[in-house]
Amino acid sequence: MRFNNKSCIGDRCWLSQCGFTLVELMITVALLAIVLSLGVPSFRQMIVDNRMTSHANLLVTSLNVARSEAINRSDSVTVTATSGTNWHLGWSAATSSGTTLRSQSAFKGGATLVGTAGNLTFSSTGYLSGAAVTFDLCDAEATTERRITVVPGGRVNLDTSHVCP
């Protein structure tokens, strides 16, 4: 700190502060830059990991809603990918009569969601019609990928320790 003015009241005197020196300001800016350079990369990774969690939750929620609606309506519900087995491009859930229950648009970012089937159907009892279906949610920037499995009993399992090929 730089002191410019001398102030006195009675026989007591002190120096008053006028502001920061250029050196003090430059040191503060340098320290701020160092702290930010350490924090920003980990913040970016947190954003990518949260996006992966959000994508996985979207699919799990859609599958659980489809299963629940199949049981409640006593009707089969089919969840179908918009494009082949590339589920990251979107999907929709519809009843056997064609009523759309839920639809999801394509993912933003570089995440891919590839399934072993292009559609899956929950029967009116909540069971999956056919064999188990597996989805791999991958992103080159993510630290962990997700594997979502729907077993023949209709239960949806989420594995967060999966490593994509």
Protein backbone atom coordinates (compact mmCIF):
# COMPACT_ATOMS: atom_id res chain seq x y z
CA MET A 1 0.00 0.00 0.00
CA ARG A 2 1.10 3.50 -0.72
CA PHE A 3 0.56 6.25 1.81
CA ASN A 4 0.20 9.77 0.49
CA ASN A 5 -1.51 11.91 3.04
CA LYS A 6 -0.53 12.62 6.59
CA SER A 7 -3.53 13.23 8.79
CA CYS A 8 -3.42 14.69 12.27
CA ILE A 9 -5.93 15.23 15.02
CA GLY A 10 -4.46 17.02 17.95
CA ASP A 11 -1.02 15.58 18.66
CA ARG A 12 -1.79 12.20 17.01
CA CYS A 13 -0.75 11.75 13.37
CA TRP A 14 -1.11 8.85 10.94
CA LEU A 15 -0.77 8.18 7.25
CA SER A 16 -3.93 7.49 5.24
CA GLN A 17 -4.19 4.95 2.42
CA CYS A 18 -4.78 6.14 -1.14
CA GLY A 19 -4.96 2.87 -3.08
CA PHE A 20 -3.02 -0.07 -4.45
CA THR A 21 0.31 0.14 -6.18
CA LEU A 22 0.78 -1.31 -9.64
CA VAL A 23 3.04 -4.04 -8.24
CA GLU A 24 0.37 -5.15 -5.74
CA LEU A 25 -2.23 -5.24 -8.50
CA MET A 26 0.01 -7.31 -10.82
CA ILE A 27 0.76 -9.83 -8.05
CA THR A 28 -2.97 -10.21 -7.35
CA VAL A 29 -3.76 -10.74 -11.04
CA ALA A 30 -0.94 -13.30 -11.35
CA LEU A 31 -2.20 -15.27 -8.33
CA LEU A 32 -5.75 -15.19 -9.69
CA ALA A 33 -4.54 -16.52 -13.05
CA ILE A 34 -2.69 -19.39 -11.36
CA VAL A 35 -5.71 -20.39 -9.26
CA LEU A 36 -8.05 -20.25 -12.27
CA SER A 37 -5.68 -22.30 -14.45
CA LEU A 38 -5.83 -25.06 -11.84
CA GLY A 39 -9.61 -24.95 -11.39
CA VAL A 40 -10.96 -24.56 -14.94
CA PRO A 41 -9.90 -27.99 -16.32
CA SER A 42 -11.53 -29.84 -13.43
CA PHE A 43 -14.65 -27.71 -13.82
CA ARG A 44 -14.83 -28.69 -17.51
CA GLN A 45 -14.55 -32.37 -16.58
CA MET A 46 -17.35 -31.93 -14.05
CA ILE A 47 -19.58 -30.46 -16.77
CA VAL A 48 -18.88 -33.41 -19.11
CA ASP A 49 -19.55 -35.96 -16.35
CA ASN A 50 -22.79 -34.22 -15.38
CA ARG A 51 -23.90 -34.24 -19.03
CA MET A 52 -23.25 -38.01 -19.18
CA THR A 53 -25.28 -38.54 -16.01
CA SER A 54 -28.09 -36.44 -17.45
CA HIS A 55 -28.13 -38.43 -20.71
CA ALA A 56 -28.20 -41.74 -18.82
CA ASN A 57 -31.02 -40.49 -16.59
CA LEU A 58 -33.07 -39.45 -19.62
CA LEU A 59 -32.99 -42.97 -21.05
CA VAL A 60 -33.55 -44.71 -17.70
CA THR A 61 -36.52 -42.43 -16.98
CA SER A 62 -38.03 -43.05 -20.42
CA LEU A 63 -37.67 -46.81 -20.02
CA ASN A 64 -39.18 -46.77 -16.53
CA VAL A 65 -42.10 -44.61 -17.69
CA ALA A 66 -42.70 -46.97 -20.62
CA ARG A 67 -42.71 -50.00 -18.32
CA SER A 68 -44.99 -48.28 -15.81
CA GLU A 69 -47.43 -47.19 -18.52
CA ALA A 70 -47.51 -50.71 -19.97
CA ILE A 71 -48.58 -52.05 -16.58
CA ASN A 72 -51.06 -49.23 -15.87
CA ARG A 73 -52.71 -49.40 -19.30
CA SER A 74 -52.58 -53.22 -19.54
CA ASP A 75 -51.14 -52.67 -22.99
CA SER A 76 -47.72 -53.16 -24.53
CA VAL A 77 -45.47 -50.10 -24.87
CA THR A 78 -42.62 -49.95 -27.39
CA VAL A 79 -39.63 -47.66 -27.10
CA THR A 80 -38.03 -47.08 -30.50
CA ALA A 81 -34.80 -45.35 -31.51
CA THR A 82 -35.15 -42.61 -34.12
CA SER A 83 -32.34 -44.07 -36.24
CA GLY A 84 -31.43 -47.76 -36.14
CA THR A 85 -29.55 -48.58 -32.94
CA ASN A 86 -28.19 -45.02 -32.53
CA TRP A 87 -30.27 -43.97 -29.56
CA HIS A 88 -28.33 -40.71 -29.10
CA LEU A 89 -30.25 -39.38 -32.12
CA GLY A 90 -33.48 -39.62 -30.14
CA TRP A 91 -36.25 -42.06 -29.29
CA SER A 92 -39.96 -42.27 -28.60
CA ALA A 93 -42.26 -44.45 -26.51
CA ALA A 94 -45.70 -45.40 -27.83
CA THR A 95 -48.51 -47.78 -26.96
CA SER A 96 -49.61 -50.58 -29.30
CA SER A 97 -52.46 -48.30 -30.44
CA GLY A 98 -49.95 -45.64 -31.52
CA THR A 99 -50.36 -43.14 -28.68
CA THR A 100 -47.01 -41.45 -28.10
CA LEU A 101 -46.22 -41.33 -24.41
CA ARG A 102 -42.79 -39.75 -24.47
CA SER A 103 -40.23 -38.62 -27.01
CA GLN A 104 -36.64 -37.48 -26.70
CA SER A 105 -34.68 -35.37 -29.16
CA ALA A 106 -31.05 -35.95 -30.11
CA PHE A 107 -28.30 -35.42 -27.54
CA LYS A 108 -26.19 -32.30 -27.75
CA GLY A 109 -22.43 -32.69 -27.48
CA GLY A 110 -20.26 -35.63 -28.43
CA ALA A 111 -21.99 -38.39 -26.47
CA THR A 112 -23.09 -41.54 -28.27
CA LEU A 113 -25.73 -43.99 -27.06
CA VAL A 114 -25.73 -47.27 -28.96
CA GLY A 115 -28.08 -50.12 -28.15
CA THR A 116 -28.09 -53.81 -29.03
CA ALA A 117 -31.58 -53.31 -30.52
CA GLY A 118 -33.42 -50.52 -32.30
CA ASN A 119 -36.55 -50.98 -30.18
CA LEU A 120 -37.80 -52.78 -27.12
CA THR A 121 -41.30 -53.63 -25.99
CA PHE A 122 -42.67 -53.90 -22.48
CA SER A 123 -45.66 -56.25 -22.20
CA SER A 124 -48.76 -55.43 -20.18
CA THR A 125 -47.17 -57.24 -17.23
CA GLY A 126 -44.04 -55.05 -17.35
CA TYR A 127 -41.78 -57.76 -18.71
CA LEU A 128 -39.52 -57.14 -21.64
CA SER A 129 -40.62 -58.95 -24.79
CA GLY A 130 -37.51 -60.72 -26.04
CA ALA A 131 -33.91 -60.81 -24.86
CA ALA A 132 -32.12 -58.30 -22.66
CA VAL A 133 -31.13 -55.02 -24.30
CA THR A 134 -27.90 -53.19 -23.52
CA PHE A 135 -27.08 -49.54 -24.17
CA ASP A 136 -23.54 -48.10 -24.08
CA LEU A 137 -23.32 -44.36 -23.37
CA CYS A 138 -19.88 -43.11 -24.36
CA ASP A 139 -18.10 -39.77 -24.66
CA ALA A 140 -14.42 -39.28 -25.51
CA GLU A 141 -14.14 -36.49 -22.91
CA ALA A 142 -15.83 -38.32 -20.01
CA THR A 143 -13.91 -40.05 -17.25
CA THR A 144 -16.54 -42.79 -16.90
CA GLU A 145 -19.04 -44.15 -19.36
CA ARG A 146 -22.40 -45.72 -18.59
CA ARG A 147 -23.95 -49.05 -19.52
CA ILE A 148 -27.71 -49.37 -19.22
CA THR A 149 -29.19 -52.85 -19.32
CA VAL A 150 -32.85 -53.83 -19.50
CA VAL A 151 -33.26 -57.42 -18.31
CA PRO A 152 -36.11 -59.70 -19.50
CA GLY A 153 -37.94 -59.06 -16.22
CA GLY A 154 -38.21 -55.38 -17.24
CA ARG A 155 -35.80 -53.98 -14.65
CA VAL A 156 -33.45 -51.23 -15.83
CA ASN A 157 -29.88 -51.39 -14.48
CA LEU A 158 -27.30 -48.60 -14.71
CA ASP A 159 -23.58 -49.40 -14.52
CA THR A 160 -21.35 -46.33 -14.07
CA SER A 161 -18.04 -48.20 -14.12
CA HIS A 162 -18.30 -49.28 -17.76
CA VAL A 163 -15.44 -48.52 -20.15
CA CYS A 164 -16.36 -48.02 -23.80
CA PRO A 165 -14.38 -49.83 -26.48
